[in-house]
Amino acid sequence: MDDTPVPADDPKPQGKGRPTPKRRDAESRRRQPVTAPKDRKEAYRQMRSKQAAERERARKGMLAGDERYYPVRDKGPARKFARDWVDSRRLPSQYFLPFSLVILLATWIPWPLEIRAAVLNIVIAVGWPLMMVGVLATSVYVAWKVKRLVAEKLPNESVKGVGFYAAMRALQIRRLRFPPPMVLPGGKPVPPKK
């Protein structure tokens, strides 16, 4: 232990320079007035408005790409890699829903009987089978490729479910994907919205 005396002009102050406040004074400063609701309806309204504000904050966080607000199925570096890989490519399976809509509309148009029979034959014999084979082939390829790349690039991450996650994302129309894409086709980052 050092017993050297401290000079009076020591620049380090000794103590905090003020007395410790009494407990009741410190507690009274910490307290904030509570605005209790007048009745059950008012309490319910306050609760709903608080929940709505929290949902809005979470929605903005998700749209901004803040992973804290993502659902559990979208969290983690493996899922982010899968999202970015799918979003950076134009895949045939992302046109599945628009193509289905076109086929459906083609069957609803009141064609003359000869043309209607030809349209239905083309749709049933060619259109649907080609579309289904294309979607299946793309989904298998995307799942296989993403699982392989995640295993290579992120060796400490689990690849369980990542292939299916990527294949399902590849089926969605790009504008309707959630979480929203953070990269454009080609790999460039999405420009910030003004």
Protein backbone atom coordinates (compact mmCIF):
# COMPACT_ATOMS: atom_id res chain seq x y z
CA MET A 1 0.00 0.00 0.00
CA ASP A 2 1.26 3.45 -0.93
CA ASP A 3 1.32 5.84 2.07
CA THR A 4 2.63 8.89 0.20
CA PRO A 5 0.77 12.07 1.07
CA VAL A 6 -1.38 13.69 -1.61
CA PRO A 7 -0.49 17.36 -2.21
CA ALA A 8 -3.26 19.96 -1.76
CA ASP A 9 -3.04 21.15 -5.38
CA ASP A 10 -3.63 17.65 -6.78
CA PRO A 11 -5.68 17.96 -10.02
CA LYS A 12 -7.66 14.79 -9.21
CA PRO A 13 -10.67 15.70 -7.07
CA GLN A 14 -11.25 13.67 -3.95
CA GLY A 15 -14.84 12.42 -3.60
CA LYS A 16 -17.72 13.46 -5.80
CA GLY A 17 -18.05 16.99 -4.49
CA ARG A 18 -21.66 16.70 -3.31
CA PRO A 19 -23.56 14.77 -0.66
CA THR A 20 -25.33 11.52 -1.49
CA PRO A 21 -29.04 12.22 -2.02
CA LYS A 22 -31.54 10.66 0.31
CA ARG A 23 -33.30 7.59 -1.03
CA ARG A 24 -36.78 9.16 -1.07
CA ASP A 25 -35.43 12.17 -3.05
CA ALA A 26 -33.79 9.92 -5.66
CA GLU A 27 -36.94 7.79 -5.98
CA SER A 28 -39.20 10.82 -6.32
CA ARG A 29 -37.05 12.17 -9.16
CA ARG A 30 -37.23 8.83 -10.97
CA ARG A 31 -41.00 8.55 -10.72
CA GLN A 32 -43.10 9.67 -13.63
CA PRO A 33 -46.77 10.44 -13.43
CA VAL A 34 -48.90 7.47 -14.44
CA THR A 35 -51.88 8.21 -16.62
CA ALA A 36 -54.18 5.35 -15.83
CA PRO A 37 -57.11 4.84 -18.18
CA LYS A 38 -60.53 5.88 -16.94
CA ASP A 39 -62.28 2.65 -17.92
CA ARG A 40 -61.78 -0.65 -19.76
CA LYS A 41 -62.58 0.83 -23.16
CA GLU A 42 -59.95 3.52 -22.75
CA ALA A 43 -57.40 0.92 -21.59
CA TYR A 44 -58.21 -1.18 -24.63
CA ARG A 45 -57.81 1.85 -26.93
CA GLN A 46 -54.44 2.70 -25.39
CA MET A 47 -53.28 -0.90 -25.73
CA ARG A 48 -54.36 -1.06 -29.38
CA SER A 49 -52.64 2.21 -30.25
CA LYS A 50 -49.45 1.02 -28.52
CA GLN A 51 -49.58 -2.28 -30.44
CA ALA A 52 -50.23 -0.44 -33.72
CA ALA A 53 -47.21 1.80 -33.11
CA GLU A 54 -45.06 -1.26 -32.36
CA ARG A 55 -46.27 -3.04 -35.53
CA GLU A 56 -45.53 0.05 -37.61
CA ARG A 57 -42.03 0.29 -36.13
CA ALA A 58 -41.45 -3.41 -36.89
CA ARG A 59 -42.79 -3.03 -40.45
CA LYS A 60 -40.46 -0.09 -41.13
CA GLY A 61 -37.57 -2.05 -39.66
CA MET A 62 -38.33 -5.05 -41.89
CA LEU A 63 -38.63 -2.89 -45.00
CA ALA A 64 -35.33 -1.20 -44.14
CA GLY A 65 -33.64 -4.62 -43.90
CA ASP A 66 -33.12 -4.65 -40.12
CA GLU A 67 -32.87 -8.34 -39.29
CA ARG A 68 -34.00 -7.78 -35.68
CA TYR A 69 -37.56 -7.35 -36.94
CA TYR A 70 -37.61 -10.34 -39.32
CA PRO A 71 -39.63 -13.45 -38.48
CA VAL A 72 -37.55 -16.39 -37.22
CA ARG A 73 -37.72 -18.16 -40.61
CA ASP A 74 -35.87 -15.22 -42.26
CA LYS A 75 -33.12 -14.68 -39.68
CA GLY A 76 -29.50 -15.69 -39.97
CA PRO A 77 -26.62 -15.35 -42.40
CA ALA A 78 -27.56 -18.50 -44.34
CA ARG A 79 -31.07 -17.19 -45.05
CA LYS A 80 -29.69 -13.76 -46.00
CA PHE A 81 -27.27 -15.40 -48.42
CA ALA A 82 -30.14 -17.45 -49.92
CA ARG A 83 -32.31 -14.32 -50.33
CA ASP A 84 -29.53 -12.35 -51.96
CA TRP A 85 -28.59 -15.23 -54.27
CA VAL A 86 -32.18 -15.66 -55.48
CA ASP A 87 -32.82 -11.91 -55.76
CA SER A 88 -29.67 -11.35 -57.84
CA ARG A 89 -30.96 -13.65 -60.62
CA ARG A 90 -33.88 -13.82 -63.01
CA LEU A 91 -35.19 -17.36 -62.64
CA PRO A 92 -37.92 -19.02 -64.75
CA SER A 93 -39.89 -19.99 -61.65
CA GLN A 94 -40.54 -16.35 -60.68
CA TYR A 95 -42.75 -16.09 -63.79
CA PHE A 96 -44.91 -19.03 -62.63
CA LEU A 97 -47.74 -16.90 -61.20
CA PRO A 98 -47.97 -14.41 -64.11
CA PHE A 99 -47.85 -17.30 -66.61
CA SER A 100 -50.61 -19.10 -64.68
CA LEU A 101 -52.74 -15.96 -64.84
CA VAL A 102 -52.25 -15.68 -68.62
CA ILE A 103 -53.21 -19.34 -69.10
CA LEU A 104 -56.27 -18.90 -66.89
CA LEU A 105 -57.38 -15.82 -68.81
CA ALA A 106 -56.84 -17.62 -72.13
CA THR A 107 -59.26 -20.33 -71.06
CA TRP A 108 -61.92 -17.84 -69.94
CA ILE A 109 -62.06 -15.82 -73.16
CA PRO A 110 -65.20 -16.78 -75.14
CA TRP A 111 -63.43 -17.93 -78.32
CA PRO A 112 -65.34 -19.50 -81.21
CA LEU A 113 -65.66 -23.26 -80.70
CA GLU A 114 -62.83 -24.29 -83.05
CA ILE A 115 -60.39 -21.80 -81.56
CA ARG A 116 -61.53 -22.60 -78.01
CA ALA A 117 -60.79 -26.32 -78.52
CA ALA A 118 -57.32 -25.49 -79.91
CA VAL A 119 -56.57 -23.10 -77.03
CA LEU A 120 -57.64 -25.64 -74.41
CA ASN A 121 -55.57 -28.38 -76.09
CA ILE A 122 -52.50 -26.15 -76.20
CA VAL A 123 -52.98 -25.08 -72.59
CA ILE A 124 -53.66 -28.57 -71.24
CA ALA A 125 -51.26 -30.52 -73.45
CA VAL A 126 -48.37 -28.03 -73.73
CA GLY A 127 -48.65 -24.99 -71.47
CA TRP A 128 -49.26 -26.53 -68.06
CA PRO A 129 -46.82 -29.43 -68.42
CA LEU A 130 -44.04 -27.15 -69.68
CA MET A 131 -44.64 -24.70 -66.89
CA MET A 132 -44.69 -27.41 -64.21
CA VAL A 133 -41.50 -29.07 -65.50
CA GLY A 134 -39.79 -25.66 -65.66
CA VAL A 135 -40.84 -24.75 -62.11
CA LEU A 136 -39.82 -28.14 -60.74
CA ALA A 137 -36.44 -28.10 -62.49
CA THR A 138 -35.72 -24.53 -61.36
CA SER A 139 -36.75 -25.28 -57.77
CA VAL A 140 -34.52 -28.37 -57.58
CA TYR A 141 -31.58 -26.47 -59.12
CA VAL A 142 -32.00 -23.45 -56.81
CA ALA A 143 -32.30 -25.62 -53.68
CA TRP A 144 -29.24 -27.70 -54.62
CA LYS A 145 -27.10 -24.70 -55.62
CA VAL A 146 -27.94 -22.56 -52.58
CA LYS A 147 -27.36 -25.43 -50.13
CA ARG A 148 -24.00 -26.15 -51.73
CA LEU A 149 -22.92 -22.48 -51.70
CA VAL A 150 -24.04 -21.96 -48.09
CA ALA A 151 -22.05 -25.05 -47.03
CA GLU A 152 -18.97 -23.64 -48.82
CA LYS A 153 -19.19 -19.99 -47.81
CA LEU A 154 -20.72 -20.35 -44.33
CA PRO A 155 -19.33 -23.63 -42.96
CA ASN A 156 -20.52 -22.96 -39.39
CA GLU A 157 -24.15 -22.38 -40.46
CA SER A 158 -26.77 -25.09 -40.69
CA VAL A 159 -28.04 -25.77 -44.22
CA LYS A 160 -31.24 -27.36 -42.93
CA GLY A 161 -34.19 -25.82 -44.77
CA VAL A 162 -32.11 -23.26 -46.68
CA GLY A 163 -32.64 -24.94 -50.06
CA PHE A 164 -36.41 -25.08 -49.64
CA TYR A 165 -36.40 -21.46 -48.40
CA ALA A 166 -34.53 -20.34 -51.54
CA ALA A 167 -36.75 -22.40 -53.85
CA MET A 168 -39.93 -20.91 -52.34
CA ARG A 169 -38.49 -17.39 -52.65
CA ALA A 170 -37.67 -18.07 -56.30
CA LEU A 171 -41.35 -18.89 -56.93
CA GLN A 172 -42.53 -15.48 -55.72
CA ILE A 173 -43.00 -12.45 -57.94
CA ARG A 174 -40.06 -10.18 -57.25
CA ARG A 175 -42.15 -7.18 -56.16
CA LEU A 176 -44.13 -9.31 -53.70
CA ARG A 177 -41.16 -10.95 -51.97
CA PHE A 178 -40.85 -10.44 -48.27
CA PRO A 179 -38.41 -9.44 -46.84
CA PRO A 180 -37.98 -7.13 -49.81
CA PRO A 181 -35.00 -7.74 -52.11
CA MET A 182 -31.80 -5.94 -51.11
CA VAL A 183 -30.04 -6.65 -54.43
CA LEU A 184 -31.06 -6.09 -58.04
CA PRO A 185 -30.75 -8.76 -60.74
CA GLY A 186 -27.05 -8.80 -61.53
CA GLY A 187 -25.99 -8.35 -57.91
CA LYS A 188 -26.02 -4.57 -57.48
CA PRO A 189 -27.56 -3.25 -54.24
CA VAL A 190 -31.07 -1.80 -54.39
CA PRO A 191 -30.81 2.01 -54.45
CA PRO A 192 -32.33 3.72 -51.39
CA LYS A 193 -35.83 5.12 -51.83
CA LYS A 194 -36.17 8.89 -51.92
